[in-house]
N, C-alpha and C. Protein backbone atom coordinates (compact mmCIF):
# COMPACT_ATOMS: atom_id res chain seq x y z
N MET A 1 0.85 -1.17 0.00
CA MET A 1 0.00 0.00 0.00
C MET A 1 0.90 1.24 0.00
N PRO A 2 0.71 2.15 -0.93
CA PRO A 2 1.53 3.36 -0.96
C PRO A 2 1.34 4.18 0.31
N GLU A 3 2.41 4.88 0.67
CA GLU A 3 2.40 5.68 1.90
C GLU A 3 1.26 6.71 1.91
N SER A 4 0.99 7.33 0.78
CA SER A 4 -0.07 8.34 0.74
C SER A 4 -1.43 7.73 1.02
N ALA A 5 -1.67 6.51 0.59
CA ALA A 5 -2.94 5.85 0.87
C ALA A 5 -3.08 5.54 2.35
N VAL A 6 -1.98 5.15 2.99
CA VAL A 6 -2.00 4.87 4.43
C VAL A 6 -2.28 6.15 5.19
N LEU A 7 -1.62 7.25 4.82
CA LEU A 7 -1.86 8.53 5.48
C LEU A 7 -3.30 8.99 5.29
N SER A 8 -3.79 8.84 4.09
CA SER A 8 -5.17 9.23 3.80
C SER A 8 -6.15 8.43 4.66
N ARG A 9 -5.91 7.14 4.78
CA ARG A 9 -6.79 6.30 5.60
C ARG A 9 -6.72 6.72 7.07
N GLU A 10 -5.52 6.97 7.57
CA GLU A 10 -5.35 7.39 8.96
C GLU A 10 -6.08 8.70 9.23
N ILE A 11 -5.99 9.64 8.31
CA ILE A 11 -6.68 10.92 8.47
C ILE A 11 -8.19 10.70 8.50
N ARG A 12 -8.71 9.88 7.59
CA ARG A 12 -10.15 9.60 7.57
C ARG A 12 -10.61 8.95 8.87
N VAL A 13 -9.82 8.02 9.38
CA VAL A 13 -10.17 7.34 10.64
C VAL A 13 -10.23 8.36 11.78
N ARG A 14 -9.24 9.24 11.85
CA ARG A 14 -9.22 10.24 12.91
C ARG A 14 -10.37 11.23 12.79
N LEU A 15 -10.65 11.66 11.56
CA LEU A 15 -11.75 12.60 11.37
C LEU A 15 -13.10 11.97 11.71
N ARG A 16 -13.30 10.72 11.31
CA ARG A 16 -14.55 10.03 11.67
C ARG A 16 -14.70 9.93 13.17
N ALA A 17 -13.61 9.59 13.86
CA ALA A 17 -13.66 9.48 15.32
C ALA A 17 -13.97 10.84 15.94
N ALA A 18 -13.34 11.89 15.44
CA ALA A 18 -13.58 13.23 15.98
C ALA A 18 -15.01 13.68 15.70
N LEU A 19 -15.51 13.39 14.52
CA LEU A 19 -16.89 13.73 14.19
C LEU A 19 -17.85 12.97 15.10
N GLY A 20 -17.58 11.71 15.33
CA GLY A 20 -18.41 10.90 16.21
C GLY A 20 -18.38 11.36 17.66
N ALA A 21 -17.30 12.02 18.06
CA ALA A 21 -17.16 12.48 19.44
C ALA A 21 -17.83 13.83 19.69
N LEU A 22 -18.24 14.51 18.63
CA LEU A 22 -18.92 15.79 18.80
C LEU A 22 -20.27 15.59 19.45
N PRO A 23 -20.76 16.60 20.17
CA PRO A 23 -22.13 16.51 20.70
C PRO A 23 -23.11 16.27 19.54
N PRO A 24 -24.19 15.55 19.79
CA PRO A 24 -25.10 15.13 18.71
C PRO A 24 -25.57 16.25 17.79
N ARG A 25 -26.00 17.36 18.33
CA ARG A 25 -26.53 18.45 17.50
C ARG A 25 -25.41 19.04 16.64
N GLN A 26 -24.24 19.20 17.24
CA GLN A 26 -23.09 19.73 16.51
C GLN A 26 -22.68 18.77 15.39
N ARG A 27 -22.65 17.48 15.71
CA ARG A 27 -22.31 16.45 14.72
C ARG A 27 -23.30 16.50 13.57
N ALA A 28 -24.57 16.64 13.87
CA ALA A 28 -25.59 16.69 12.82
C ALA A 28 -25.39 17.88 11.89
N VAL A 29 -25.11 19.04 12.47
CA VAL A 29 -24.91 20.24 11.65
C VAL A 29 -23.70 20.08 10.75
N VAL A 30 -22.58 19.64 11.30
CA VAL A 30 -21.37 19.46 10.50
C VAL A 30 -21.61 18.43 9.40
N HIS A 31 -22.25 17.33 9.76
CA HIS A 31 -22.51 16.28 8.76
C HIS A 31 -23.42 16.80 7.64
N LEU A 32 -24.49 17.44 8.02
CA LEU A 32 -25.42 17.93 7.00
C LEU A 32 -24.79 18.99 6.11
N ARG A 33 -23.99 19.87 6.67
CA ARG A 33 -23.37 20.94 5.87
C ARG A 33 -22.20 20.42 5.05
N ASP A 34 -21.27 19.69 5.69
CA ASP A 34 -20.01 19.36 5.04
C ASP A 34 -20.00 18.00 4.34
N VAL A 35 -20.85 17.09 4.76
CA VAL A 35 -20.88 15.78 4.10
C VAL A 35 -22.05 15.70 3.13
N GLU A 36 -23.22 16.10 3.59
CA GLU A 36 -24.41 16.04 2.74
C GLU A 36 -24.53 17.23 1.80
N GLY A 37 -23.88 18.34 2.13
CA GLY A 37 -23.88 19.51 1.26
C GLY A 37 -25.13 20.37 1.33
N LEU A 38 -25.88 20.26 2.43
CA LEU A 38 -27.06 21.10 2.57
C LEU A 38 -26.65 22.54 2.90
N ASP A 39 -27.48 23.49 2.53
CA ASP A 39 -27.17 24.88 2.88
C ASP A 39 -27.72 25.18 4.27
N ALA A 40 -27.35 26.35 4.78
CA ALA A 40 -27.71 26.72 6.15
C ALA A 40 -29.21 26.71 6.39
N ALA A 41 -29.99 27.24 5.44
CA ALA A 41 -31.44 27.28 5.61
C ALA A 41 -32.03 25.87 5.69
N GLU A 42 -31.52 24.96 4.88
CA GLU A 42 -32.02 23.58 4.91
C GLU A 42 -31.70 22.92 6.25
N VAL A 43 -30.49 23.16 6.75
CA VAL A 43 -30.10 22.57 8.04
C VAL A 43 -30.96 23.13 9.16
N CYS A 44 -31.18 24.44 9.15
CA CYS A 44 -32.02 25.06 10.18
C CYS A 44 -33.42 24.49 10.16
N ALA A 45 -33.98 24.34 8.99
CA ALA A 45 -35.34 23.79 8.88
C ALA A 45 -35.39 22.34 9.31
N LEU A 46 -34.42 21.57 8.90
CA LEU A 46 -34.40 20.14 9.20
C LEU A 46 -34.22 19.89 10.70
N LEU A 47 -33.35 20.66 11.34
CA LEU A 47 -33.07 20.45 12.76
C LEU A 47 -33.87 21.37 13.67
N ASP A 48 -34.67 22.24 13.07
CA ASP A 48 -35.47 23.20 13.82
C ASP A 48 -34.61 24.02 14.77
N ILE A 49 -33.58 24.65 14.20
CA ILE A 49 -32.69 25.52 14.98
C ILE A 49 -32.61 26.88 14.30
N ALA A 50 -32.23 27.88 15.08
CA ALA A 50 -32.08 29.23 14.58
C ALA A 50 -30.78 29.35 13.77
N PRO A 51 -30.75 30.26 12.79
CA PRO A 51 -29.53 30.43 11.99
C PRO A 51 -28.28 30.72 12.84
N GLY A 52 -28.44 31.50 13.89
CA GLY A 52 -27.30 31.78 14.76
C GLY A 52 -26.76 30.53 15.43
N ASN A 53 -27.67 29.67 15.88
CA ASN A 53 -27.24 28.40 16.49
C ASN A 53 -26.54 27.52 15.46
N GLN A 54 -27.06 27.49 14.26
CA GLN A 54 -26.45 26.67 13.21
C GLN A 54 -25.02 27.13 12.96
N ARG A 55 -24.81 28.45 12.90
CA ARG A 55 -23.47 28.98 12.65
C ARG A 55 -22.51 28.63 13.79
N VAL A 56 -22.97 28.76 15.03
CA VAL A 56 -22.12 28.45 16.18
C VAL A 56 -21.77 26.97 16.20
N LEU A 57 -22.76 26.12 16.01
CA LEU A 57 -22.52 24.68 16.01
C LEU A 57 -21.55 24.28 14.90
N LEU A 58 -21.74 24.86 13.73
CA LEU A 58 -20.88 24.54 12.60
C LEU A 58 -19.45 25.02 12.87
N HIS A 59 -19.32 26.25 13.36
CA HIS A 59 -18.00 26.81 13.64
C HIS A 59 -17.26 25.96 14.66
N ARG A 60 -17.91 25.62 15.75
CA ARG A 60 -17.26 24.82 16.81
C ARG A 60 -16.91 23.42 16.33
N GLY A 61 -17.81 22.81 15.57
CA GLY A 61 -17.54 21.47 15.05
C GLY A 61 -16.37 21.48 14.08
N ARG A 62 -16.36 22.42 13.16
CA ARG A 62 -15.25 22.52 12.21
C ARG A 62 -13.94 22.83 12.92
N ALA A 63 -13.99 23.65 13.95
CA ALA A 63 -12.78 23.98 14.71
C ALA A 63 -12.20 22.73 15.36
N ARG A 64 -13.06 21.88 15.88
CA ARG A 64 -12.59 20.63 16.50
C ARG A 64 -11.95 19.72 15.45
N LEU A 65 -12.56 19.62 14.29
CA LEU A 65 -12.00 18.77 13.24
C LEU A 65 -10.67 19.34 12.73
N ARG A 66 -10.58 20.66 12.61
CA ARG A 66 -9.30 21.28 12.22
C ARG A 66 -8.23 20.98 13.25
N GLN A 67 -8.60 21.02 14.52
CA GLN A 67 -7.63 20.73 15.58
C GLN A 67 -7.11 19.30 15.47
N VAL A 68 -7.98 18.37 15.16
CA VAL A 68 -7.57 16.98 14.98
C VAL A 68 -6.56 16.88 13.84
N LEU A 69 -6.81 17.58 12.74
CA LEU A 69 -5.87 17.56 11.62
C LEU A 69 -4.54 18.21 11.99
N GLU A 70 -4.59 19.31 12.71
CA GLU A 70 -3.35 19.98 13.13
C GLU A 70 -2.56 19.10 14.09
N ASP A 71 -3.25 18.44 15.00
CA ASP A 71 -2.57 17.53 15.93
C ASP A 71 -1.91 16.39 15.17
N TYR A 72 -2.59 15.86 14.18
CA TYR A 72 -2.04 14.78 13.36
C TYR A 72 -0.81 15.27 12.61
N ARG A 73 -0.90 16.45 12.02
CA ARG A 73 0.25 17.02 11.30
C ARG A 73 1.44 17.20 12.23
N ASP A 74 1.17 17.69 13.44
CA ASP A 74 2.25 17.90 14.40
C ASP A 74 2.88 16.57 14.82
N GLU A 75 2.07 15.52 14.98
CA GLU A 75 2.61 14.20 15.32
C GLU A 75 3.52 13.68 14.21
N GLU A 76 3.08 13.89 12.99
CA GLU A 76 3.84 13.39 11.83
C GLU A 76 5.15 14.14 11.64
N SER A 77 5.18 15.41 12.01
CA SER A 77 6.40 16.18 11.80
C SER A 77 7.37 16.06 12.98
N ALA A 78 6.90 15.47 14.08
CA ALA A 78 7.76 15.33 15.27
C ALA A 78 8.73 14.17 15.14
């Protein structure tokens, strides 16, 4: 297996774990926006949340996933 495929798999495993560890509502917002590709209005309607809540949940969820990627990068460069 080429090294890039192994790294790609490891990153996917870590991101899935991080996504699964998010609080349920936050996980739903991130999944619907970034995986399913729904827009903000669709997510708000589907989850019955206010636009402000959707933005906060999305921002916090994405920040956590970015942190996981940064931690992984730092481990690899150490």
